[in-house]
N, C-alpha and C. Protein backbone atom coordinates (compact mmCIF):
# COMPACT_ATOMS: atom_id res chain seq x y z
N UNK A 1 49.18 -1.02 45.74
CA UNK A 1 50.18 -2.32 45.46
C UNK A 1 51.66 -1.63 45.83
N UNK A 2 51.92 -0.26 45.32
CA UNK A 2 53.21 0.32 45.89
C UNK A 2 53.59 0.34 47.10
N UNK A 3 52.81 0.56 48.02
CA UNK A 3 53.06 0.52 49.49
C UNK A 3 53.74 -0.50 49.51
N UNK A 4 53.41 -2.04 49.32
CA UNK A 4 53.42 -3.17 49.69
C UNK A 4 52.97 -3.81 51.47
N UNK A 5 51.80 -3.04 51.45
CA UNK A 5 50.97 -3.48 52.48
C UNK A 5 50.09 -5.03 51.79
N UNK A 6 51.11 -5.99 52.25
CA UNK A 6 50.94 -7.71 51.48
C UNK A 6 49.24 -7.91 51.83
N UNK A 7 48.71 -7.64 52.77
CA UNK A 7 47.33 -8.39 53.33
C UNK A 7 46.17 -7.40 51.99
N UNK A 8 46.26 -5.64 52.52
CA UNK A 8 45.73 -4.58 51.86
C UNK A 8 45.55 -5.30 49.96
N UNK A 9 46.69 -5.51 49.42
CA UNK A 9 46.76 -5.92 48.19
C UNK A 9 46.22 -7.41 48.12
N UNK A 10 46.10 -8.05 48.63
CA UNK A 10 45.78 -9.40 48.13
C UNK A 10 44.61 -9.72 47.83
N UNK A 11 43.83 -8.39 48.99
CA UNK A 11 42.40 -8.03 49.58
C UNK A 11 41.40 -7.29 47.89
N UNK A 12 42.38 -6.14 47.56
CA UNK A 12 41.98 -6.17 46.29
C UNK A 12 42.18 -7.08 45.17
N UNK A 13 43.25 -7.25 44.92
CA UNK A 13 43.17 -8.74 43.60
C UNK A 13 42.34 -9.76 44.36
N UNK A 14 41.73 -10.08 45.32
CA UNK A 14 40.87 -11.18 45.28
C UNK A 14 39.26 -10.10 44.60
N UNK A 15 39.47 -9.31 45.17
CA UNK A 15 37.74 -8.40 44.74
C UNK A 15 38.11 -8.01 42.62
N UNK A 16 39.04 -7.87 42.43
CA UNK A 16 39.18 -7.19 41.60
C UNK A 16 38.78 -8.43 40.17
N UNK A 17 40.22 -9.85 40.84
CA UNK A 17 39.46 -11.21 40.10
C UNK A 17 37.79 -11.59 40.36
N UNK A 18 37.48 -10.88 41.19
CA UNK A 18 35.80 -11.51 40.73
C UNK A 18 35.28 -10.84 40.14
N UNK A 19 35.23 -9.75 40.30
CA UNK A 19 34.49 -8.47 38.78
C UNK A 19 35.13 -9.43 37.42
N UNK A 20 36.32 -9.26 37.31
CA UNK A 20 36.69 -9.75 36.26
C UNK A 20 35.61 -10.74 35.55
N UNK A 21 36.22 -11.57 36.83
CA UNK A 21 35.40 -13.24 37.13
C UNK A 21 33.28 -13.10 36.13
N UNK A 22 33.44 -12.00 36.60
CA UNK A 22 31.70 -11.60 36.68
C UNK A 22 31.68 -10.27 35.05
N UNK A 23 33.01 -9.89 34.47
CA UNK A 23 32.66 -9.54 33.65
C UNK A 23 32.38 -10.20 32.80
N UNK A 24 33.74 -10.86 32.68
CA UNK A 24 34.03 -12.16 31.77
C UNK A 24 32.27 -12.91 31.75
N UNK A 25 31.62 -13.59 33.11
CA UNK A 25 30.52 -14.07 32.69
C UNK A 25 29.67 -13.87 31.98
N UNK A 26 29.86 -12.74 31.57
CA UNK A 26 27.97 -11.40 31.52
C UNK A 26 27.94 -11.46 30.36
N UNK A 27 29.64 -11.18 29.52
CA UNK A 27 29.73 -11.14 28.27
C UNK A 27 30.39 -9.73 28.13
N UNK A 28 30.63 -8.67 29.16
CA UNK A 28 31.39 -7.87 29.54
C UNK A 28 32.60 -7.37 28.69
N UNK A 29 33.71 -8.10 29.17
CA UNK A 29 34.91 -8.52 28.35
C UNK A 29 34.86 -10.09 27.95
N UNK A 30 35.80 -10.99 26.88
CA UNK A 30 35.76 -11.85 26.47
C UNK A 30 36.88 -11.99 27.38
N UNK A 31 36.15 -13.89 27.80
CA UNK A 31 36.83 -14.21 28.76
C UNK A 31 38.81 -14.08 28.83
N UNK A 32 39.18 -14.53 27.94
CA UNK A 32 40.74 -14.07 27.52
C UNK A 32 40.84 -13.16 27.82
N UNK A 33 40.71 -12.04 27.50
CA UNK A 33 40.56 -11.15 28.03
C UNK A 33 40.74 -10.59 29.81
N UNK A 34 40.00 -11.06 30.27
CA UNK A 34 40.13 -11.77 31.97
C UNK A 34 41.14 -11.84 32.08
N UNK A 35 41.32 -13.45 31.17
CA UNK A 35 42.28 -14.12 31.65
C UNK A 35 43.68 -13.30 31.86
N UNK A 36 43.76 -12.65 30.97
CA UNK A 36 45.16 -12.20 30.86
C UNK A 36 45.08 -10.99 32.09
N UNK A 37 43.99 -9.93 32.22
CA UNK A 37 44.04 -9.25 33.15
C UNK A 37 45.15 -9.45 34.33
N UNK A 38 44.34 -10.62 35.04
CA UNK A 38 43.99 -11.50 36.13
C UNK A 38 45.79 -11.71 36.15
N UNK A 39 46.68 -12.86 35.01
CA UNK A 39 47.62 -12.55 34.93
C UNK A 39 48.51 -11.81 35.09
N UNK A 40 48.17 -10.47 34.34
CA UNK A 40 48.94 -9.15 34.49
C UNK A 40 49.32 -8.37 36.00
N UNK A 41 47.96 -8.77 36.60
CA UNK A 41 47.99 -8.43 37.97
C UNK A 41 48.33 -8.99 38.98
N UNK A 42 49.07 -10.57 38.63
CA UNK A 42 49.13 -11.53 39.48
C UNK A 42 50.30 -10.83 39.64
N UNK A 43 51.12 -11.11 38.43
CA UNK A 43 52.47 -10.79 38.25
C UNK A 43 53.06 -9.40 38.60
N UNK A 44 51.93 -8.49 38.71
CA UNK A 44 52.24 -7.27 39.82
C UNK A 44 52.26 -7.49 40.99
N UNK A 45 51.78 -8.47 41.55
CA UNK A 45 51.75 -9.03 42.84
C UNK A 45 52.95 -9.88 43.15
N UNK A 46 52.95 -10.56 42.59
CA UNK A 46 54.17 -11.29 43.45
C UNK A 46 56.01 -10.70 42.59
N UNK A 47 54.96 -9.43 41.79
CA UNK A 47 57.17 -9.39 41.87
C UNK A 47 57.05 -7.55 43.76
N UNK A 48 56.20 -7.16 43.97
CA UNK A 48 55.97 -6.47 45.09
C UNK A 48 56.73 -7.00 46.75
N UNK A 49 55.66 -8.70 46.41
CA UNK A 49 55.68 -9.18 47.57
C UNK A 49 56.85 -9.96 47.66
N UNK A 50 57.48 -10.92 46.87
CA UNK A 50 58.21 -10.43 46.68
C UNK A 50 59.67 -10.31 46.75
């Protein structure tokens, strides 16, 4: 995120969100916990990209 390479950051974020959703689905983490983590990641992305 620090480097500012938008394409790489978006690709990494897509993978992270997929993994968080999978973990929530399997019961490893609570679905609200996954949602909070995804929200924080999106906030960071929007700060850097904008």
